[in-house]
Amino acid sequence: MVPVVRQELDSRPQNTALDLLDLGLQVHVVVDACSSRSQVDRLVALARMRQSGAFLSTSEGLILQLVGDAAHPQFKEIQKIIKEPAPDSGLLGFFQGQNPLFR
């Protein structure tokens, strides 16, 4: 698993993800850790990566995947952090089928 986490979804992270996919690697994009100049640019970049085979996830989802389960020695500490409500990322409609890029 190669997480693609960048502050801004300009051409570099998107191209990195596409290049890694071309090499046959699994690419996981942490969508709530990515931004762009505009929400439209962000959604189009995420849609292109998803359509190319990248897995889209959230930071919480990735953390829980890496931790595995409650048997992890740091699980209780991690659970305290992820229980805090996350700020609105503006992506809810993106995953509820309201985005025409994902039909």
PDB file of N, CA and C in Angstrom:
ATOM      1  N   MET A   1       0.847  -1.165   0.000  1.00  0.00           N
ATOM      2  CA  MET A   1       0.000   0.000   0.000  1.00  0.00           C
ATOM      3  C   MET A   1       0.897   1.234   0.000  1.00  0.00           C
ATOM      4  N   VAL A   2       0.635   2.158  -0.918  1.00  0.00           N
ATOM      5  CA  VAL A   2       1.398   3.395  -1.000  1.00  0.00           C
ATOM      6  C   VAL A   2       0.419   4.548  -0.820  1.00  0.00           C
ATOM      7  N   PRO A   3       0.316   5.108   0.386  1.00  0.00           N
ATOM      8  CA  PRO A   3      -0.621   6.222   0.568  1.00  0.00           C
ATOM      9  C   PRO A   3      -0.131   7.460  -0.167  1.00  0.00           C
ATOM     10  N   VAL A   4      -1.030   8.094  -0.886  1.00  0.00           N
ATOM     11  CA  VAL A   4      -0.716   9.358  -1.547  1.00  0.00           C
ATOM     12  C   VAL A   4      -1.373  10.446  -0.717  1.00  0.00           C
ATOM     13  N   VAL A   5      -0.564  11.161   0.038  1.00  0.00           N
ATOM     14  CA  VAL A   5      -1.067  12.228   0.888  1.00  0.00           C
ATOM     15  C   VAL A   5      -0.309  13.485   0.526  1.00  0.00           C
ATOM     16  N   ARG A   6      -0.994  14.436   0.018  1.00  0.00           N
ATOM     17  CA  ARG A   6      -0.385  15.721  -0.331  1.00  0.00           C
ATOM     18  C   ARG A   6      -1.327  16.819   0.129  1.00  0.00           C
ATOM     19  N   GLN A   7      -0.763  17.981   0.312  1.00  0.00           N
ATOM     20  CA  GLN A   7      -1.594  19.095   0.757  1.00  0.00           C
ATOM     21  C   GLN A   7      -2.450  19.608  -0.382  1.00  0.00           C
ATOM     22  N   GLU A   8      -1.945  19.572  -1.598  1.00  0.00           N
ATOM     23  CA  GLU A   8      -2.691  20.130  -2.712  1.00  0.00           C
ATOM     24  C   GLU A   8      -2.688  19.173  -3.891  1.00  0.00           C
ATOM     25  N   LEU A   9      -3.857  18.993  -4.503  1.00  0.00           N
ATOM     26  CA  LEU A   9      -3.991  18.076  -5.630  1.00  0.00           C
ATOM     27  C   LEU A   9      -3.709  18.788  -6.950  1.00  0.00           C
ATOM     28  N   ASP A  10      -2.509  19.288  -7.106  1.00  0.00           N
ATOM     29  CA  ASP A  10      -2.151  19.829  -8.407  1.00  0.00           C
ATOM     30  C   ASP A  10      -1.746  18.656  -9.277  1.00  0.00           C
ATOM     31  N   SER A  11      -1.046  18.869 -10.346  1.00  0.00           N
ATOM     32  CA  SER A  11      -0.733  17.774 -11.256  1.00  0.00           C
ATOM     33  C   SER A  11       0.252  16.770 -10.661  1.00  0.00           C
ATOM     34  N   ARG A  12       1.117  17.183  -9.730  1.00  0.00           N
ATOM     35  CA  ARG A  12       2.131  16.262  -9.204  1.00  0.00           C
ATOM     36  C   ARG A  12       1.550  15.069  -8.460  1.00  0.00           C
ATOM     37  N   PRO A  13       0.714  15.264  -7.432  1.00  0.00           N
ATOM     38  CA  PRO A  13       0.193  14.085  -6.733  1.00  0.00           C
ATOM     39  C   PRO A  13      -0.669  13.215  -7.640  1.00  0.00           C
ATOM     40  N   GLN A  14      -1.460  13.856  -8.491  1.00  0.00           N
ATOM     41  CA  GLN A  14      -2.301  13.087  -9.393  1.00  0.00           C
ATOM     42  C   GLN A  14      -1.418  12.271 -10.337  1.00  0.00           C
ATOM     43  N   ASN A  15      -0.378  12.884 -10.878  1.00  0.00           N
ATOM     44  CA  ASN A  15       0.523  12.154 -11.771  1.00  0.00           C
ATOM     45  C   ASN A  15       1.275  11.073 -11.019  1.00  0.00           C
ATOM     46  N   THR A  16       1.671  11.339  -9.776  1.00  0.00           N
ATOM     47  CA  THR A  16       2.342  10.323  -8.965  1.00  0.00           C
ATOM     48  C   THR A  16       1.430   9.121  -8.783  1.00  0.00           C
ATOM     49  N   ALA A  17       0.178   9.363  -8.442  1.00  0.00           N
ATOM     50  CA  ALA A  17      -0.781   8.269  -8.254  1.00  0.00           C
ATOM     51  C   ALA A  17      -0.942   7.488  -9.549  1.00  0.00           C
ATOM     52  N   LEU A  18      -1.092   8.181 -10.661  1.00  0.00           N
ATOM     53  CA  LEU A  18      -1.279   7.506 -11.951  1.00  0.00           C
ATOM     54  C   LEU A  18      -0.030   6.722 -12.345  1.00  0.00           C
ATOM     55  N   ASP A  19       1.148   7.287 -12.077  1.00  0.00           N
ATOM     56  CA  ASP A  19       2.406   6.585 -12.374  1.00  0.00           C
ATOM     57  C   ASP A  19       2.528   5.310 -11.543  1.00  0.00           C
ATOM     58  N   LEU A  20       2.180   5.394 -10.256  1.00  0.00           N
ATOM     59  CA  LEU A  20       2.253   4.220  -9.385  1.00  0.00           C
ATOM     60  C   LEU A  20       1.266   3.142  -9.829  1.00  0.00           C
ATOM     61  N   LEU A  21       0.077   3.565 -10.266  1.00  0.00           N
ATOM     62  CA  LEU A  21      -0.897   2.609 -10.782  1.00  0.00           C
ATOM     63  C   LEU A  21      -0.361   1.927 -12.038  1.00  0.00           C
ATOM     64  N   ASP A  22       0.300   2.700 -12.906  1.00  0.00           N
ATOM     65  CA  ASP A  22       0.897   2.131 -14.122  1.00  0.00           C
ATOM     66  C   ASP A  22       1.965   1.090 -13.795  1.00  0.00           C
ATOM     67  N   LEU A  23       2.610   1.243 -12.637  1.00  0.00           N
ATOM     68  CA  LEU A  23       3.632   0.273 -12.212  1.00  0.00           C
ATOM     69  C   LEU A  23       3.012  -0.968 -11.561  1.00  0.00           C
ATOM     70  N   GLY A  24       1.684  -0.962 -11.460  1.00  0.00           N
ATOM     71  CA  GLY A  24       1.004  -2.114 -10.885  1.00  0.00           C
ATOM     72  C   GLY A  24       0.847  -2.058  -9.379  1.00  0.00           C
ATOM     73  N   LEU A  25       1.122  -0.906  -8.773  1.00  0.00           N
ATOM     74  CA  LEU A  25       1.000  -0.772  -7.320  1.00  0.00           C
ATOM     75  C   LEU A  25      -0.417  -0.346  -6.942  1.00  0.00           C
ATOM     76  N   GLN A  26      -0.822  -0.724  -5.739  1.00  0.00           N
ATOM     77  CA  GLN A  26      -2.085  -0.217  -5.206  1.00  0.00           C
ATOM     78  C   GLN A  26      -1.842   1.185  -4.675  1.00  0.00           C
ATOM     79  N   VAL A  27      -2.744   2.085  -5.000  1.00  0.00           N
ATOM     80  CA  VAL A  27      -2.627   3.470  -4.540  1.00  0.00           C
ATOM     81  C   VAL A  27      -3.859   3.800  -3.711  1.00  0.00           C
ATOM     82  N   HIS A  28      -3.614   4.319  -2.510  1.00  0.00           N
ATOM     83  CA  HIS A  28      -4.684   4.758  -1.624  1.00  0.00           C
ATOM     84  C   HIS A  28      -4.542   6.258  -1.435  1.00  0.00           C
ATOM     85  N   VAL A  29      -5.597   6.990  -1.767  1.00  0.00           N
ATOM     86  CA  VAL A  29      -5.590   8.444  -1.645  1.00  0.00           C
ATOM     87  C   VAL A  29      -6.435   8.823  -0.433  1.00  0.00           C
ATOM     88  N   VAL A  30      -5.844   9.560   0.482  1.00  0.00           N
ATOM     89  CA  VAL A  30      -6.551  10.000   1.688  1.00  0.00           C
ATOM     90  C   VAL A  30      -7.244  11.320   1.334  1.00  0.00           C
ATOM     91  N   VAL A  31      -8.534  11.217   1.006  1.00  0.00           N
ATOM     92  CA  VAL A  31      -9.249  12.344   0.408  1.00  0.00           C
ATOM     93  C   VAL A  31      -9.373  13.548   1.345  1.00  0.00           C
ATOM     94  N   ASP A  32      -9.487  13.319   2.641  1.00  0.00           N
ATOM     95  CA  ASP A  32      -9.622  14.459   3.549  1.00  0.00           C
ATOM     96  C   ASP A  32      -8.265  15.067   3.910  1.00  0.00           C
ATOM     97  N   ALA A  33      -7.198  14.557   3.296  1.00  0.00           N
ATOM     98  CA  ALA A  33      -5.872  15.154   3.464  1.00  0.00           C
ATOM     99  C   ALA A  33      -5.432  15.847   2.176  1.00  0.00           C
ATOM    100  N   CYS A  34      -6.340  15.944   1.229  1.00  0.00           N
ATOM    101  CA  CYS A  34      -6.026  16.552  -0.071  1.00  0.00           C
ATOM    102  C   CYS A  34      -6.880  17.792  -0.292  1.00  0.00           C
ATOM    103  N   SER A  35      -6.295  18.763  -0.926  1.00  0.00           N
ATOM    104  CA  SER A  35      -7.057  19.952  -1.296  1.00  0.00           C
ATOM    105  C   SER A  35      -6.630  20.369  -2.688  1.00  0.00           C
ATOM    106  N   SER A  36      -7.263  21.385  -3.180  1.00  0.00           N
ATOM    107  CA  SER A  36      -6.914  21.923  -4.480  1.00  0.00           C
ATOM    108  C   SER A  36      -7.303  23.388  -4.493  1.00  0.00           C
ATOM    109  N   ARG A  37      -6.990  24.033  -5.587  1.00  0.00           N
ATOM    110  CA  ARG A  37      -7.303  25.445  -5.714  1.00  0.00           C
ATOM    111  C   ARG A  37      -8.806  25.679  -5.630  1.00  0.00           C
ATOM    112  N   SER A  38      -9.570  24.737  -6.143  1.00  0.00           N
ATOM    113  CA  SER A  38     -11.030  24.839  -6.076  1.00  0.00           C
ATOM    114  C   SER A  38     -11.617  23.455  -5.799  1.00  0.00           C
ATOM    115  N   GLN A  39     -12.847  23.438  -5.327  1.00  0.00           N
ATOM    116  CA  GLN A  39     -13.518  22.166  -5.048  1.00  0.00           C
ATOM    117  C   GLN A  39     -13.723  21.376  -6.345  1.00  0.00           C
ATOM    118  N   VAL A  40     -13.981  22.074  -7.449  1.00  0.00           N
ATOM    119  CA  VAL A  40     -14.158  21.388  -8.732  1.00  0.00           C
ATOM    120  C   VAL A  40     -12.861  20.680  -9.124  1.00  0.00           C
ATOM    121  N   ASP A  41     -11.725  21.374  -9.025  1.00  0.00           N
ATOM    122  CA  ASP A  41     -10.442  20.754  -9.351  1.00  0.00           C
ATOM    123  C   ASP A  41     -10.177  19.544  -8.457  1.00  0.00           C
ATOM    124  N   ARG A  42     -10.522  19.691  -7.192  1.00  0.00           N
ATOM    125  CA  ARG A  42     -10.323  18.595  -6.229  1.00  0.00           C
ATOM    126  C   ARG A  42     -11.146  17.375  -6.617  1.00  0.00           C
ATOM    127  N   LEU A  43     -12.427  17.595  -6.916  1.00  0.00           N
ATOM    128  CA  LEU A  43     -13.308  16.484  -7.258  1.00  0.00           C
ATOM    129  C   LEU A  43     -12.908  15.816  -8.569  1.00  0.00           C
ATOM    130  N   VAL A  44     -12.505  16.620  -9.553  1.00  0.00           N
ATOM    131  CA  VAL A  44     -12.092  16.046 -10.830  1.00  0.00           C
ATOM    132  C   VAL A  44     -10.820  15.213 -10.658  1.00  0.00           C
ATOM    133  N   ALA A  45      -9.862  15.714  -9.885  1.00  0.00           N
ATOM    134  CA  ALA A  45      -8.622  14.966  -9.653  1.00  0.00           C
ATOM    135  C   ALA A  45      -8.905  13.665  -8.920  1.00  0.00           C
ATOM    136  N   LEU A  46      -9.751  13.715  -7.885  1.00  0.00           N
ATOM    137  CA  LEU A  46     -10.096  12.499  -7.146  1.00  0.00           C
ATOM    138  C   LEU A  46     -10.851  11.514  -8.038  1.00  0.00           C
ATOM    139  N   ALA A  47     -11.761  12.029  -8.857  1.00  0.00           N
ATOM    140  CA  ALA A  47     -12.514  11.165  -9.765  1.00  0.00           C
ATOM    141  C   ALA A  47     -11.577  10.483 -10.757  1.00  0.00           C
ATOM    142  N   ARG A  48     -10.638  11.239 -11.306  1.00  0.00           N
ATOM    143  CA  ARG A  48      -9.704  10.654 -12.276  1.00  0.00           C
ATOM    144  C   ARG A  48      -8.865   9.554 -11.628  1.00  0.00           C
ATOM    145  N   MET A  49      -8.388   9.813 -10.409  1.00  0.00           N
ATOM    146  CA  MET A  49      -7.584   8.799  -9.728  1.00  0.00           C
ATOM    147  C   MET A  49      -8.418   7.553  -9.426  1.00  0.00           C
ATOM    148  N   ARG A  50      -9.652   7.769  -8.994  1.00  0.00           N
ATOM    149  CA  ARG A  50     -10.532   6.627  -8.682  1.00  0.00           C
ATOM    150  C   ARG A  50     -10.835   5.830  -9.951  1.00  0.00           C
ATOM    151  N   GLN A  51     -11.152   6.527 -11.027  1.00  0.00           N
ATOM    152  CA  GLN A  51     -11.463   5.853 -12.285  1.00  0.00           C
ATOM    153  C   GLN A  51     -10.253   5.100 -12.834  1.00  0.00           C
ATOM    154  N   SER A  52      -9.069   5.523 -12.438  1.00  0.00           N
ATOM    155  CA  SER A  52      -7.838   4.864 -12.888  1.00  0.00           C
ATOM    156  C   SER A  52      -7.448   3.696 -11.998  1.00  0.00           C
ATOM    157  N   GLY A  53      -8.173   3.512 -10.892  1.00  0.00           N
ATOM    158  CA  GLY A  53      -7.926   2.358 -10.035  1.00  0.00           C
ATOM    159  C   GLY A  53      -7.433   2.655  -8.634  1.00  0.00           C
ATOM    160  N   ALA A  54      -7.288   3.926  -8.284  1.00  0.00           N
ATOM    161  CA  ALA A  54      -6.855   4.273  -6.928  1.00  0.00           C
ATOM    162  C   ALA A  54      -8.011   4.051  -5.952  1.00  0.00           C
ATOM    163  N   PHE A  55      -7.661   3.662  -4.737  1.00  0.00           N
ATOM    164  CA  PHE A  55      -8.642   3.520  -3.670  1.00  0.00           C
ATOM    165  C   PHE A  55      -8.734   4.846  -2.934  1.00  0.00           C
ATOM    166  N   LEU A  56      -9.951   5.324  -2.719  1.00  0.00           N
ATOM    167  CA  LEU A  56     -10.152   6.561  -1.976  1.00  0.00           C
ATOM    168  C   LEU A  56     -10.543   6.198  -0.553  1.00  0.00           C
ATOM    169  N   SER A  57      -9.903   6.854   0.408  1.00  0.00           N
ATOM    170  CA  SER A  57     -10.165   6.577   1.806  1.00  0.00           C
ATOM    171  C   SER A  57     -10.114   7.879   2.590  1.00  0.00           C
ATOM    172  N   THR A  58     -10.482   7.796   3.851  1.00  0.00           N
ATOM    173  CA  THR A  58     -10.360   8.948   4.751  1.00  0.00           C
ATOM    174  C   THR A  58      -9.182   8.703   5.684  1.00  0.00           C
ATOM    175  N   SER A  59      -8.757   9.744   6.358  1.00  0.00           N
ATOM    176  CA  SER A  59      -7.653   9.580   7.299  1.00  0.00           C
ATOM    177  C   SER A  59      -8.034   8.595   8.396  1.00  0.00           C
ATOM    178  N   GLU A  60      -9.264   8.665   8.876  1.00  0.00           N
ATOM    179  CA  GLU A  60      -9.701   7.723   9.912  1.00  0.00           C
ATOM    180  C   GLU A  60      -9.695   6.295   9.383  1.00  0.00           C
ATOM    181  N   GLY A  61     -10.202   6.106   8.184  1.00  0.00           N
ATOM    182  CA  GLY A  61     -10.208   4.777   7.584  1.00  0.00           C
ATOM    183  C   GLY A  61      -8.805   4.210   7.421  1.00  0.00           C
ATOM    184  N   LEU A  62      -7.875   5.051   6.990  1.00  0.00           N
ATOM    185  CA  LEU A  62      -6.494   4.598   6.819  1.00  0.00           C
ATOM    186  C   LEU A  62      -5.857   4.256   8.162  1.00  0.00           C
ATOM    187  N   ILE A  63      -6.079   5.101   9.158  1.00  0.00           N
ATOM    188  CA  ILE A  63      -5.524   4.839  10.492  1.00  0.00           C
ATOM    189  C   ILE A  63      -6.034   3.502  11.027  1.00  0.00           C
ATOM    190  N   LEU A  64      -7.341   3.282  10.913  1.00  0.00           N
ATOM    191  CA  LEU A  64      -7.915   2.028  11.420  1.00  0.00           C
ATOM    192  C   LEU A  64      -7.414   0.824  10.630  1.00  0.00           C
ATOM    193  N   GLN A  65      -7.199   0.999   9.337  1.00  0.00           N
ATOM    194  CA  GLN A  65      -6.660  -0.092   8.527  1.00  0.00           C
ATOM    195  C   GLN A  65      -5.237  -0.432   8.960  1.00  0.00           C
ATOM    196  N   LEU A  66      -4.438   0.591   9.247  1.00  0.00           N
ATOM    197  CA  LEU A  66      -3.058   0.363   9.664  1.00  0.00           C
ATOM    198  C   LEU A  66      -2.972  -0.238  11.069  1.00  0.00           C
ATOM    199  N   VAL A  67      -3.890   0.178  11.951  1.00  0.00           N
ATOM    200  CA  VAL A  67      -3.901  -0.333  13.321  1.00  0.00           C
ATOM    201  C   VAL A  67      -4.366  -1.789  13.342  1.00  0.00           C
ATOM    202  N   GLY A  68      -5.316  -2.114  12.497  1.00  0.00           N
ATOM    203  CA  GLY A  68      -5.814  -3.481  12.422  1.00  0.00           C
ATOM    204  C   GLY A  68      -7.043  -3.711  13.270  1.00  0.00           C
ATOM    205  N   ASP A  69      -6.858  -3.805  14.575  1.00  0.00           N
ATOM    206  CA  ASP A  69      -7.997  -4.037  15.457  1.00  0.00           C
ATOM    207  C   ASP A  69      -7.677  -3.565  16.874  1.00  0.00           C
ATOM    208  N   ALA A  70      -8.606  -3.811  17.789  1.00  0.00           N
ATOM    209  CA  ALA A  70      -8.468  -3.347  19.172  1.00  0.00           C
ATOM    210  C   ALA A  70      -7.321  -4.019  19.910  1.00  0.00           C
ATOM    211  N   ALA A  71      -6.740  -5.062  19.341  1.00  0.00           N
ATOM    212  CA  ALA A  71      -5.610  -5.735  19.987  1.00  0.00           C
ATOM    213  C   ALA A  71      -4.312  -4.937  19.855  1.00  0.00           C
ATOM    214  N   HIS A  72      -4.309  -3.930  18.989  1.00  0.00           N
ATOM    215  CA  HIS A  72      -3.104  -3.102  18.819  1.00  0.00           C
ATOM    216  C   HIS A  72      -2.790  -2.406  20.144  1.00  0.00           C
ATOM    217  N   PRO A  73      -1.521  -2.377  20.563  1.00  0.00           N
ATOM    218  CA  PRO A  73      -1.170  -1.797  21.864  1.00  0.00           C
ATOM    219  C   PRO A  73      -1.520  -0.314  22.007  1.00  0.00           C
ATOM    220  N   GLN A  74      -1.609   0.403  20.916  1.00  0.00           N
ATOM    221  CA  GLN A  74      -1.929   1.833  20.982  1.00  0.00           C
ATOM    222  C   GLN A  74      -3.385   2.137  20.623  1.00  0.00           C
ATOM    223  N   PHE A  75      -4.202   1.116  20.496  1.00  0.00           N
ATOM    224  CA  PHE A  75      -5.572   1.313  20.023  1.00  0.00           C
ATOM    225  C   PHE A  75      -6.359   2.320  20.865  1.00  0.00           C
ATOM    226  N   LYS A  76      -6.288   2.225  22.173  1.00  0.00           N
ATOM    227  CA  LYS A  76      -7.063   3.126  23.046  1.00  0.00           C
ATOM    228  C   LYS A  76      -6.668   4.587  22.815  1.00  0.00           C
ATOM    229  N   GLU A  77      -5.371   4.845  22.664  1.00  0.00           N
ATOM    230  CA  GLU A  77      -4.903   6.218  22.418  1.00  0.00           C
ATOM    231  C   GLU A  77      -5.374   6.710  21.057  1.00  0.00           C
ATOM    232  N   ILE A  78      -5.293   5.855  20.064  1.00  0.00           N
ATOM    233  CA  ILE A  78      -5.727   6.223  18.710  1.00  0.00           C
ATOM    234  C   ILE A  78      -7.228   6.457  18.695  1.00  0.00           C
ATOM    235  N   GLN A  79      -7.970   5.628  19.397  1.00  0.00           N
ATOM    236  CA  GLN A  79      -9.422   5.756  19.448  1.00  0.00           C
ATOM    237  C   GLN A  79      -9.833   7.118  20.016  1.00  0.00           C
ATOM    238  N   LYS A  80      -9.104   7.610  21.011  1.00  0.00           N
ATOM    239  CA  LYS A  80      -9.395   8.931  21.589  1.00  0.00           C
ATOM    240  C   LYS A  80      -9.251  10.025  20.532  1.00  0.00           C
ATOM    241  N   ILE A  81      -8.249   9.904  19.694  1.00  0.00           N
ATOM    242  CA  ILE A  81      -7.995  10.916  18.670  1.00  0.00           C
ATOM    243  C   ILE A  81      -9.077  10.885  17.593  1.00  0.00           C
ATOM    244  N   ILE A  82      -9.426   9.697  17.111  1.00  0.00           N
ATOM    245  CA  ILE A  82     -10.379   9.638  16.001  1.00  0.00           C
ATOM    246  C   ILE A  82     -11.828   9.826  16.438  1.00  0.00           C
ATOM    247  N   LYS A  83     -12.092   9.807  17.749  1.00  0.00           N
ATOM    248  CA  LYS A  83     -13.451  10.063  18.227  1.00  0.00           C
ATOM    249  C   LYS A  83     -13.818  11.550  18.113  1.00  0.00           C
ATOM    250  N   GLU A  84     -12.814  12.407  18.038  1.00  0.00           N
ATOM    251  CA  GLU A  84     -13.076  13.835  17.876  1.00  0.00           C
ATOM    252  C   GLU A  84     -13.753  14.073  16.535  1.00  0.00           C
ATOM    253  N   PRO A  85     -14.816  14.894  16.496  1.00  0.00           N
ATOM    254  CA  PRO A  85     -15.486  15.129  15.218  1.00  0.00           C
ATOM    255  C   PRO A  85     -14.546  15.815  14.221  1.00  0.00           C
ATOM    256  N   ALA A  86     -14.549  15.323  13.013  1.00  0.00           N
ATOM    257  CA  ALA A  86     -13.708  15.899  11.965  1.00  0.00           C
ATOM    258  C   ALA A  86     -14.412  17.100  11.350  1.00  0.00           C
ATOM    259  N   PRO A  87     -13.651  18.084  10.902  1.00  0.00           N
ATOM    260  CA  PRO A  87     -14.276  19.221  10.221  1.00  0.00           C
ATOM    261  C   PRO A  87     -14.871  18.769   8.883  1.00  0.00           C
ATOM    262  N   ASP A  88     -15.861  19.500   8.416  1.00  0.00           N
ATOM    263  CA  ASP A  88     -16.499  19.174   7.140  1.00  0.00           C
ATOM    264  C   ASP A  88     -15.485  19.315   6.011  1.00  0.00           C
ATOM    265  N   SER A  89     -15.310  18.243   5.266  1.00  0.00           N
ATOM    266  CA  SER A  89     -14.333  18.252   4.173  1.00  0.00           C
ATOM    267  C   SER A  89     -14.950  18.682   2.854  1.00  0.00           C
ATOM    268  N   GLY A  90     -16.268  18.825   2.809  1.00  0.00           N
ATOM    269  CA  GLY A  90     -16.935  19.183   1.569  1.00  0.00           C
ATOM    270  C   GLY A  90     -17.057  18.014   0.606  1.00  0.00           C
ATOM    271  N   LEU A  91     -16.828  16.803   1.084  1.00  0.00           N
ATOM    272  CA  LEU A  91     -16.824  15.631   0.200  1.00  0.00           C
ATOM    273  C   LEU A  91     -18.026  14.717   0.375  1.00  0.00           C
ATOM    274  N   LEU A  92     -18.949  15.058   1.262  1.00  0.00           N
ATOM    275  CA  LEU A  92     -20.052  14.144   1.540  1.00  0.00           C
ATOM    276  C   LEU A  92     -20.853  13.832   0.278  1.00  0.00           C
ATOM    277  N   GLY A  93     -21.211  14.840  -0.502  1.00  0.00           N
ATOM    278  CA  GLY A  93     -21.957  14.617  -1.734  1.00  0.00           C
ATOM    279  C   GLY A  93     -21.189  13.780  -2.735  1.00  0.00           C
ATOM    280  N   PHE A  94     -19.887  13.862  -2.677  1.00  0.00           N
ATOM    281  CA  PHE A  94     -18.995  13.110  -3.548  1.00  0.00           C
ATOM    282  C   PHE A  94     -19.207  11.613  -3.370  1.00  0.00           C
ATOM    283  N   PHE A  95     -19.474  11.184  -2.150  1.00  0.00           N
ATOM    284  CA  PHE A  95     -19.645   9.775  -1.853  1.00  0.00           C
ATOM    285  C   PHE A  95     -21.102   9.352  -1.762  1.00  0.00           C
ATOM    286  N   GLN A  96     -22.041  10.286  -1.880  1.00  0.00           N
ATOM    287  CA  GLN A  96     -23.454   9.941  -1.799  1.00  0.00           C
ATOM    288  C   GLN A  96     -24.090   9.854  -3.181  1.00  0.00           C
ATOM    289  N   GLY A  97     -23.299   9.763  -4.213  1.00  0.00           N
ATOM    290  CA  GLY A  97     -23.829   9.611  -5.556  1.00  0.00           C
ATOM    291  C   GLY A  97     -24.367  10.902  -6.153  1.00  0.00           C
ATOM    292  N   GLN A  98     -24.116  12.040  -5.521  1.00  0.00           N
ATOM    293  CA  GLN A  98     -24.597  13.302  -6.045  1.00  0.00           C
ATOM    294  C   GLN A  98     -23.619  13.908  -7.028  1.00  0.00           C
ATOM    295  N   ASN A  99     -22.456  13.323  -7.158  1.00  0.00           N
ATOM    296  CA  ASN A  99     -21.443  13.860  -8.045  1.00  0.00           C
ATOM    297  C   ASN A  99     -21.547  13.150  -9.389  1.00  0.00           C
ATOM    298  N   PRO A 100     -21.826  13.899 -10.459  1.00  0.00           N
ATOM    299  CA  PRO A 100     -21.978  13.261 -11.770  1.00  0.00           C
ATOM    300  C   PRO A 100     -20.695  12.593 -12.271  1.00  0.00           C
ATOM    301  N   LEU A 101     -19.555  12.911 -11.679  1.00  0.00           N
ATOM    302  CA  LEU A 101     -18.298  12.299 -12.114  1.00  0.00           C
ATOM    303  C   LEU A 101     -18.224  10.830 -11.732  1.00  0.00           C
ATOM    304  N   PHE A 102     -19.091  10.388 -10.816  1.00  0.00           N
ATOM    305  CA  PHE A 102     -19.021   9.017 -10.322  1.00  0.00           C
ATOM    306  C   PHE A 102     -20.227   8.175 -10.710  1.00  0.00           C
ATOM    307  N   ARG A 103     -20.927   8.565 -11.699  1.00  0.00           N
ATOM    308  CA  ARG A 103     -22.088   7.767 -12.150  1.00  0.00           C
ATOM    309  C   ARG A 103     -21.672   6.804 -13.204  1.00  0.00           C
TER     310      ARG A 103
END
